[in-house]
């Protein structure tokens, strides 16, 4: 199962379309908020509302895919900001996906894999814009890779 995860695209429709086209073989496309777009412009992406969004997406979402419990949110809640590790443990998920910081992140907290794809358009980690590809494998195994938006354009 291939899942493309993006966040913080801030009104850039073309970059979402480019990523969807480049990853046409993906099974699922998630946007973790701050698209600043109405839902009909999100292409194949679904997900959650960020602090800069005014669409009807939920502020958080829990899904189960191939036996993996996945939690999606933008990451701007006060409880997450105060004590992120405890907050993540309380969600009782296998994978915790969040955005908001504009910094890519991959870590394991307890038994939960935590990921932030970074920002597509306004990175704050000294890197280029980025997104995440998750691979959910048999035997409950997870593989992942961060993709740089600039590298995608060079390889077209």
N, C-alpha and C. Protein backbone atom coordinates (compact mmCIF):
# COMPACT_ATOMS: atom_id res chain seq x y z
N UNK A 1 0.85 -1.17 0.00
CA UNK A 1 0.00 0.00 0.00
C UNK A 1 0.91 1.24 0.00
N UNK A 2 0.70 2.11 -0.95
CA UNK A 2 1.47 3.35 -1.05
C UNK A 2 0.57 4.53 -0.71
N UNK A 3 1.02 5.33 0.28
CA UNK A 3 0.26 6.50 0.72
C UNK A 3 1.15 7.74 0.57
N UNK A 4 0.63 8.74 -0.12
CA UNK A 4 1.32 10.02 -0.26
C UNK A 4 0.74 10.97 0.77
N UNK A 5 1.63 11.62 1.54
CA UNK A 5 1.20 12.51 2.62
C UNK A 5 1.84 13.88 2.40
N UNK A 6 1.00 14.92 2.36
CA UNK A 6 1.48 16.30 2.19
C UNK A 6 0.87 17.17 3.29
N UNK A 7 1.44 18.36 3.43
CA UNK A 7 0.89 19.34 4.36
C UNK A 7 1.34 20.73 3.94
N UNK A 8 0.63 21.71 4.41
CA UNK A 8 1.03 23.11 4.29
C UNK A 8 1.40 23.50 2.86
N UNK A 9 0.44 23.32 1.94
CA UNK A 9 0.65 23.72 0.55
C UNK A 9 0.23 25.16 0.30
N UNK A 10 -0.49 25.74 1.21
CA UNK A 10 -0.85 27.18 1.21
C UNK A 10 -1.24 27.71 -0.17
N UNK A 11 -2.39 27.25 -0.65
CA UNK A 11 -3.06 27.73 -1.87
C UNK A 11 -2.42 27.30 -3.18
N UNK A 12 -1.41 26.50 -3.15
CA UNK A 12 -0.73 26.10 -4.38
C UNK A 12 -1.38 24.83 -4.95
N UNK A 13 -2.32 25.03 -5.86
CA UNK A 13 -3.03 23.91 -6.48
C UNK A 13 -2.11 23.13 -7.41
N UNK A 14 -1.27 23.82 -8.15
CA UNK A 14 -0.44 23.14 -9.15
C UNK A 14 0.51 22.14 -8.52
N UNK A 15 1.04 22.44 -7.34
CA UNK A 15 1.96 21.49 -6.71
C UNK A 15 1.23 20.21 -6.28
N UNK A 16 0.00 20.34 -5.84
CA UNK A 16 -0.80 19.15 -5.49
C UNK A 16 -1.05 18.31 -6.74
N UNK A 17 -1.39 18.97 -7.83
CA UNK A 17 -1.62 18.24 -9.08
C UNK A 17 -0.35 17.54 -9.56
N UNK A 18 0.79 18.21 -9.45
CA UNK A 18 2.06 17.62 -9.87
C UNK A 18 2.38 16.38 -9.04
N UNK A 19 2.19 16.46 -7.74
CA UNK A 19 2.49 15.32 -6.87
C UNK A 19 1.53 14.16 -7.15
N UNK A 20 0.26 14.47 -7.35
CA UNK A 20 -0.71 13.42 -7.66
C UNK A 20 -0.35 12.74 -8.99
N UNK A 21 0.03 13.52 -9.98
CA UNK A 21 0.40 12.95 -11.28
C UNK A 21 1.69 12.13 -11.19
N UNK A 22 2.66 12.64 -10.47
CA UNK A 22 3.95 11.94 -10.34
C UNK A 22 3.77 10.62 -9.59
N UNK A 23 2.84 10.58 -8.65
CA UNK A 23 2.59 9.40 -7.83
C UNK A 23 1.26 8.75 -8.19
N UNK A 24 0.99 8.65 -9.48
CA UNK A 24 -0.28 8.10 -9.97
C UNK A 24 -0.56 6.70 -9.44
N UNK A 25 0.50 5.98 -9.03
CA UNK A 25 0.34 4.61 -8.56
C UNK A 25 0.01 4.52 -7.07
N UNK A 26 -0.10 5.65 -6.40
CA UNK A 26 -0.42 5.64 -4.96
C UNK A 26 -1.86 5.19 -4.74
N UNK A 27 -2.07 4.55 -3.61
CA UNK A 27 -3.41 4.08 -3.25
C UNK A 27 -4.22 5.17 -2.55
N UNK A 28 -3.53 6.01 -1.76
CA UNK A 28 -4.21 7.03 -0.96
C UNK A 28 -3.36 8.29 -0.96
N UNK A 29 -4.04 9.45 -0.94
CA UNK A 29 -3.39 10.75 -0.86
C UNK A 29 -3.98 11.51 0.33
N UNK A 30 -3.13 11.86 1.31
CA UNK A 30 -3.59 12.61 2.48
C UNK A 30 -2.97 14.00 2.50
N UNK A 31 -3.80 14.98 2.85
CA UNK A 31 -3.34 16.35 3.09
C UNK A 31 -3.60 16.65 4.56
N UNK A 32 -2.56 17.09 5.27
CA UNK A 32 -2.65 17.29 6.72
C UNK A 32 -2.96 18.74 7.09
N UNK A 33 -3.53 19.49 6.20
CA UNK A 33 -4.03 20.81 6.53
C UNK A 33 -3.19 21.97 6.02
N UNK A 34 -3.81 23.12 6.08
CA UNK A 34 -3.27 24.37 5.54
C UNK A 34 -3.07 24.28 4.03
N UNK A 35 -4.06 23.72 3.38
CA UNK A 35 -4.10 23.77 1.92
C UNK A 35 -4.58 25.15 1.48
N UNK A 36 -5.43 25.74 2.31
CA UNK A 36 -6.09 27.03 2.02
C UNK A 36 -6.89 26.94 0.71
N UNK A 37 -7.46 25.76 0.48
CA UNK A 37 -8.25 25.52 -0.73
C UNK A 37 -9.59 24.91 -0.38
N UNK A 38 -10.60 25.14 -1.22
CA UNK A 38 -11.84 24.38 -1.05
C UNK A 38 -11.59 22.92 -1.42
N UNK A 39 -12.39 22.05 -0.88
CA UNK A 39 -12.17 20.61 -1.08
C UNK A 39 -12.13 20.20 -2.55
N UNK A 40 -12.93 20.83 -3.40
CA UNK A 40 -12.98 20.40 -4.79
C UNK A 40 -11.67 20.68 -5.54
N UNK A 41 -10.79 21.50 -4.99
CA UNK A 41 -9.49 21.77 -5.63
C UNK A 41 -8.35 20.91 -5.07
N UNK A 42 -8.66 20.03 -4.15
CA UNK A 42 -7.63 19.20 -3.53
C UNK A 42 -7.24 17.99 -4.37
N UNK A 43 -7.77 17.90 -5.61
CA UNK A 43 -7.44 16.80 -6.50
C UNK A 43 -7.83 15.49 -5.81
N UNK A 44 -6.94 14.56 -5.70
CA UNK A 44 -7.25 13.25 -5.08
C UNK A 44 -6.97 13.24 -3.59
N UNK A 45 -6.55 14.36 -3.03
CA UNK A 45 -6.19 14.43 -1.61
C UNK A 45 -7.43 14.56 -0.73
N UNK A 46 -7.38 13.87 0.39
CA UNK A 46 -8.38 14.00 1.43
C UNK A 46 -7.61 14.16 2.73
N UNK A 47 -8.25 14.61 3.77
CA UNK A 47 -7.51 14.73 5.02
C UNK A 47 -8.21 15.57 6.04
N UNK A 48 -7.46 16.52 6.61
CA UNK A 48 -7.94 17.31 7.74
C UNK A 48 -7.74 18.81 7.49
N UNK A 49 -8.43 19.56 8.30
CA UNK A 49 -8.37 21.03 8.22
C UNK A 49 -7.23 21.55 9.09
N UNK A 50 -6.51 22.53 8.59
CA UNK A 50 -5.46 23.19 9.35
C UNK A 50 -5.92 24.52 9.90
N UNK A 51 -5.05 25.20 10.61
CA UNK A 51 -5.41 26.47 11.24
C UNK A 51 -5.60 27.60 10.22
N UNK A 52 -5.14 27.44 8.98
CA UNK A 52 -5.35 28.45 7.94
C UNK A 52 -6.46 28.07 6.97
N UNK A 53 -7.16 26.98 7.23
CA UNK A 53 -8.19 26.48 6.32
C UNK A 53 -9.59 26.92 6.76
N UNK A 54 -10.44 27.07 5.76
CA UNK A 54 -11.85 27.37 6.01
C UNK A 54 -12.73 26.43 5.20
N UNK A 55 -12.28 25.18 5.04
CA UNK A 55 -13.07 24.18 4.35
C UNK A 55 -13.83 23.34 5.38
N UNK A 56 -14.56 22.36 4.90
CA UNK A 56 -15.39 21.54 5.78
C UNK A 56 -14.72 20.25 6.22
N UNK A 57 -13.41 20.12 6.00
CA UNK A 57 -12.72 18.92 6.46
C UNK A 57 -12.68 18.88 7.99
N UNK A 58 -12.63 17.70 8.57
CA UNK A 58 -12.58 17.59 10.04
C UNK A 58 -11.21 18.04 10.57
N UNK A 59 -11.12 18.48 11.82
CA UNK A 59 -9.83 18.86 12.39
C UNK A 59 -8.90 17.68 12.63
N UNK A 60 -9.46 16.49 12.77
CA UNK A 60 -8.66 15.28 12.90
C UNK A 60 -9.46 14.11 12.37
N UNK A 61 -8.73 13.03 12.07
CA UNK A 61 -9.38 11.87 11.47
C UNK A 61 -8.60 10.62 11.88
N UNK A 62 -9.33 9.55 12.17
CA UNK A 62 -8.74 8.24 12.45
C UNK A 62 -9.22 7.27 11.38
N UNK A 63 -8.27 6.54 10.80
CA UNK A 63 -8.60 5.56 9.77
C UNK A 63 -7.87 4.26 10.08
N UNK A 64 -8.39 3.18 9.54
CA UNK A 64 -7.70 1.89 9.64
C UNK A 64 -7.48 1.38 8.23
N UNK A 65 -6.23 1.07 7.93
CA UNK A 65 -5.85 0.59 6.61
C UNK A 65 -4.93 -0.61 6.77
N UNK A 66 -5.33 -1.72 6.19
CA UNK A 66 -4.52 -2.95 6.24
C UNK A 66 -4.06 -3.30 7.65
N UNK A 67 -4.92 -3.08 8.63
CA UNK A 67 -4.59 -3.41 10.01
C UNK A 67 -3.81 -2.34 10.76
N UNK A 68 -3.49 -1.24 10.10
CA UNK A 68 -2.79 -0.12 10.74
C UNK A 68 -3.81 0.93 11.16
N UNK A 69 -3.73 1.35 12.42
CA UNK A 69 -4.55 2.47 12.90
C UNK A 69 -3.75 3.74 12.67
N UNK A 70 -4.33 4.67 11.89
CA UNK A 70 -3.64 5.89 11.50
C UNK A 70 -4.44 7.09 11.99
N UNK A 71 -3.74 8.02 12.65
CA UNK A 71 -4.36 9.26 13.11
C UNK A 71 -3.79 10.41 12.28
N UNK A 72 -4.68 11.26 11.77
CA UNK A 72 -4.29 12.43 10.99
C UNK A 72 -4.78 13.68 11.69
N UNK A 73 -3.93 14.68 11.77
CA UNK A 73 -4.33 15.99 12.26
C UNK A 73 -3.31 17.02 11.80
N UNK A 74 -3.66 18.28 11.94
CA UNK A 74 -2.72 19.31 11.52
C UNK A 74 -1.60 19.48 12.54
N UNK A 75 -1.93 19.33 13.82
CA UNK A 75 -0.90 19.41 14.86
C UNK A 75 -0.87 20.74 15.59
N UNK A 76 -1.93 21.52 15.46
CA UNK A 76 -1.95 22.83 16.10
C UNK A 76 -2.82 22.86 17.36
N UNK A 77 -3.24 21.70 17.87
CA UNK A 77 -4.06 21.70 19.08
C UNK A 77 -3.20 22.04 20.30
N UNK A 78 -3.79 22.63 21.27
CA UNK A 78 -3.08 23.03 22.49
C UNK A 78 -2.53 21.81 23.22
N UNK A 79 -3.29 20.71 23.25
CA UNK A 79 -2.83 19.50 23.95
C UNK A 79 -1.59 18.91 23.30
N UNK A 80 -1.53 18.97 21.98
CA UNK A 80 -0.35 18.49 21.26
C UNK A 80 0.85 19.38 21.56
N UNK A 81 0.61 20.68 21.62
CA UNK A 81 1.70 21.64 21.87
C UNK A 81 2.26 21.51 23.29
N UNK A 82 1.40 21.23 24.26
CA UNK A 82 1.84 21.18 25.66
C UNK A 82 2.68 19.93 25.96
N UNK A 83 2.19 18.77 25.54
CA UNK A 83 2.90 17.52 25.83
C UNK A 83 2.71 16.55 24.67
N UNK A 84 3.48 16.73 23.58
CA UNK A 84 3.25 15.92 22.39
C UNK A 84 3.38 14.41 22.60
N UNK A 85 4.36 13.98 23.37
CA UNK A 85 4.53 12.54 23.55
C UNK A 85 3.33 11.90 24.24
N UNK A 86 2.85 12.52 25.30
CA UNK A 86 1.68 11.99 26.01
C UNK A 86 0.44 12.04 25.11
N UNK A 87 0.28 13.12 24.39
CA UNK A 87 -0.86 13.28 23.48
C UNK A 87 -0.86 12.17 22.43
N UNK A 88 0.30 11.90 21.84
CA UNK A 88 0.41 10.86 20.81
C UNK A 88 0.09 9.49 21.41
N UNK A 89 0.60 9.19 22.59
CA UNK A 89 0.32 7.90 23.24
C UNK A 89 -1.17 7.73 23.50
N UNK A 90 -1.87 8.82 23.85
CA UNK A 90 -3.31 8.75 24.13
C UNK A 90 -4.13 8.42 22.88
N UNK A 91 -3.59 8.69 21.71
CA UNK A 91 -4.33 8.42 20.47
C UNK A 91 -4.36 6.93 20.13
N UNK A 92 -3.48 6.13 20.75
CA UNK A 92 -3.47 4.67 20.58
C UNK A 92 -3.53 4.28 19.09
N UNK A 93 -2.57 4.81 18.34
CA UNK A 93 -2.51 4.50 16.91
C UNK A 93 -1.14 3.93 16.57
N UNK A 94 -1.07 3.31 15.40
CA UNK A 94 0.20 2.79 14.91
C UNK A 94 1.01 3.89 14.22
N UNK A 95 0.28 4.79 13.55
CA UNK A 95 0.92 5.87 12.80
C UNK A 95 0.21 7.18 13.14
N UNK A 96 1.00 8.18 13.51
CA UNK A 96 0.48 9.52 13.85
C UNK A 96 1.04 10.48 12.81
N UNK A 97 0.15 11.11 12.02
CA UNK A 97 0.55 12.03 10.96
C UNK A 97 0.13 13.44 11.33
N UNK A 98 1.06 14.39 11.22
CA UNK A 98 0.74 15.79 11.53
C UNK A 98 1.55 16.72 10.63
N UNK A 99 1.10 17.95 10.55
CA UNK A 99 1.79 18.99 9.78
C UNK A 99 2.12 20.17 10.68
N UNK A 100 1.79 21.36 10.24
CA UNK A 100 1.84 22.61 11.00
C UNK A 100 3.22 23.20 11.22
N UNK A 101 4.23 22.40 11.50
CA UNK A 101 5.55 22.96 11.85
C UNK A 101 6.38 23.34 10.62
N UNK A 102 5.98 22.86 9.46
CA UNK A 102 6.72 23.09 8.21
C UNK A 102 8.11 22.45 8.25
N UNK A 103 8.28 21.44 9.11
CA UNK A 103 9.55 20.72 9.23
C UNK A 103 9.28 19.22 9.11
N UNK A 104 10.06 18.56 8.27
CA UNK A 104 9.89 17.11 8.15
C UNK A 104 10.36 16.43 9.44
N UNK A 105 9.68 15.33 9.75
CA UNK A 105 9.94 14.67 11.03
C UNK A 105 9.59 13.20 10.88
N UNK A 106 10.43 12.34 11.44
CA UNK A 106 10.15 10.90 11.52
C UNK A 106 10.75 10.40 12.82
N UNK A 107 9.92 9.76 13.63
CA UNK A 107 10.38 9.27 14.93
C UNK A 107 9.40 8.20 15.39
N UNK A 108 9.82 7.45 16.36
CA UNK A 108 8.93 6.46 16.97
C UNK A 108 8.79 6.83 18.44
N UNK A 109 7.55 7.02 18.86
CA UNK A 109 7.25 7.36 20.25
C UNK A 109 6.45 6.19 20.82
N UNK A 110 7.05 5.47 21.75
CA UNK A 110 6.44 4.23 22.22
C UNK A 110 6.37 3.27 21.04
N UNK A 111 5.18 2.80 20.75
CA UNK A 111 5.00 1.90 19.60
C UNK A 111 4.42 2.62 18.39
N UNK A 112 4.35 3.95 18.45
CA UNK A 112 3.72 4.74 17.39
C UNK A 112 4.76 5.41 16.50
N UNK A 113 4.63 5.19 15.20
CA UNK A 113 5.46 5.89 14.22
C UNK A 113 4.85 7.26 13.99
N UNK A 114 5.67 8.31 14.10
CA UNK A 114 5.19 9.69 13.96
C UNK A 114 5.88 10.34 12.77
N UNK A 115 5.09 11.00 11.94
CA UNK A 115 5.63 11.62 10.74
C UNK A 115 5.02 12.99 10.50
N UNK A 116 5.86 13.90 10.04
CA UNK A 116 5.44 15.19 9.51
C UNK A 116 6.11 15.28 8.14
N UNK A 117 5.33 15.48 7.07
CA UNK A 117 5.92 15.51 5.73
C UNK A 117 6.69 16.79 5.43
N UNK A 118 6.64 17.77 6.34
CA UNK A 118 7.21 19.09 6.06
C UNK A 118 6.20 19.91 5.28
N UNK A 119 6.63 21.01 4.77
CA UNK A 119 5.76 21.89 3.99
C UNK A 119 6.10 21.80 2.51
N UNK A 120 5.08 21.77 1.68
CA UNK A 120 5.32 21.74 0.24
C UNK A 120 5.88 23.06 -0.27
N UNK A 121 5.41 24.17 0.31
CA UNK A 121 5.72 25.48 -0.27
C UNK A 121 6.50 26.44 0.62
N UNK A 122 6.50 26.20 1.93
CA UNK A 122 7.15 27.12 2.85
C UNK A 122 7.95 26.37 3.92
N UNK A 123 8.95 25.61 3.53
CA UNK A 123 9.70 24.81 4.51
C UNK A 123 10.46 25.69 5.49
N UNK A 124 10.55 25.20 6.73
CA UNK A 124 11.26 25.92 7.78
C UNK A 124 12.41 25.10 8.36
N UNK A 125 12.84 24.10 7.62
CA UNK A 125 13.90 23.22 8.13
C UNK A 125 15.19 23.32 7.31
N UNK A 126 15.32 24.37 6.52
CA UNK A 126 16.53 24.53 5.73
C UNK A 126 16.58 23.64 4.51
N UNK A 127 15.53 22.91 4.25
CA UNK A 127 15.45 22.01 3.11
C UNK A 127 14.49 22.61 2.09
N UNK A 128 14.35 21.93 0.96
CA UNK A 128 13.35 22.36 -0.01
C UNK A 128 11.99 21.83 0.42
N UNK A 129 10.94 22.26 -0.28
CA UNK A 129 9.61 21.74 0.01
C UNK A 129 9.62 20.22 -0.05
N UNK A 130 8.81 19.59 0.78
CA UNK A 130 8.86 18.14 0.86
C UNK A 130 7.50 17.52 1.12
N UNK A 131 7.43 16.22 0.85
CA UNK A 131 6.27 15.41 1.19
C UNK A 131 6.76 14.02 1.57
N UNK A 132 5.86 13.19 2.01
CA UNK A 132 6.19 11.88 2.55
C UNK A 132 5.49 10.79 1.75
N UNK A 133 6.19 9.70 1.54
CA UNK A 133 5.55 8.51 0.99
C UNK A 133 5.69 7.40 2.03
N UNK A 134 4.55 6.85 2.43
CA UNK A 134 4.50 5.72 3.36
C UNK A 134 4.19 4.45 2.58
N UNK A 135 4.87 3.39 2.94
CA UNK A 135 4.58 2.08 2.37
C UNK A 135 4.16 1.17 3.52
N UNK A 136 2.92 0.72 3.50
CA UNK A 136 2.42 -0.22 4.51
C UNK A 136 2.59 -1.61 3.93
N UNK A 137 3.45 -2.40 4.56
CA UNK A 137 3.82 -3.71 4.04
C UNK A 137 3.20 -4.83 4.87
N UNK A 138 3.32 -6.02 4.33
CA UNK A 138 2.82 -7.18 5.08
C UNK A 138 3.62 -7.34 6.35
N UNK A 139 3.13 -8.14 7.26
CA UNK A 139 3.76 -8.37 8.57
C UNK A 139 3.82 -7.09 9.40
N UNK A 140 2.90 -6.17 9.13
CA UNK A 140 2.77 -4.93 9.90
C UNK A 140 4.06 -4.09 9.87
N UNK A 141 4.72 -4.07 8.72
CA UNK A 141 5.96 -3.32 8.55
C UNK A 141 5.67 -2.00 7.82
N UNK A 142 6.41 -0.96 8.20
CA UNK A 142 6.26 0.37 7.61
C UNK A 142 7.60 0.80 7.04
N UNK A 143 7.58 1.28 5.82
CA UNK A 143 8.75 1.93 5.22
C UNK A 143 8.30 3.33 4.80
N UNK A 144 9.26 4.24 4.74
CA UNK A 144 8.90 5.61 4.36
C UNK A 144 10.06 6.28 3.66
N UNK A 145 9.73 7.32 2.92
CA UNK A 145 10.75 8.18 2.33
C UNK A 145 10.20 9.59 2.16
N UNK A 146 11.06 10.56 2.40
CA UNK A 146 10.73 11.95 2.15
C UNK A 146 11.14 12.28 0.72
N UNK A 147 10.30 13.02 0.04
CA UNK A 147 10.60 13.46 -1.32
C UNK A 147 10.73 14.98 -1.32
N UNK A 148 11.74 15.48 -2.00
CA UNK A 148 11.92 16.92 -2.17
C UNK A 148 11.17 17.37 -3.42
N UNK A 149 10.42 18.42 -3.29
CA UNK A 149 9.67 18.94 -4.43
C UNK A 149 10.63 19.35 -5.54
N UNK A 150 11.74 19.97 -5.22
CA UNK A 150 12.73 20.40 -6.22
C UNK A 150 13.30 19.20 -6.97
N UNK A 151 13.57 18.11 -6.28
CA UNK A 151 14.10 16.91 -6.94
C UNK A 151 13.08 16.31 -7.90
N UNK A 152 11.81 16.34 -7.51
CA UNK A 152 10.76 15.85 -8.38
C UNK A 152 10.78 16.58 -9.72
N UNK A 153 10.94 17.90 -9.65
CA UNK A 153 10.93 18.71 -10.87
C UNK A 153 12.13 18.41 -11.75
N UNK A 154 13.30 18.14 -11.15
CA UNK A 154 14.51 17.83 -11.92
C UNK A 154 14.38 16.50 -12.65
N UNK A 155 13.64 15.56 -12.04
CA UNK A 155 13.55 14.20 -12.60
C UNK A 155 12.41 14.04 -13.60
N UNK A 156 11.67 15.08 -13.86
CA UNK A 156 10.55 14.98 -14.82
C UNK A 156 11.05 14.93 -16.24
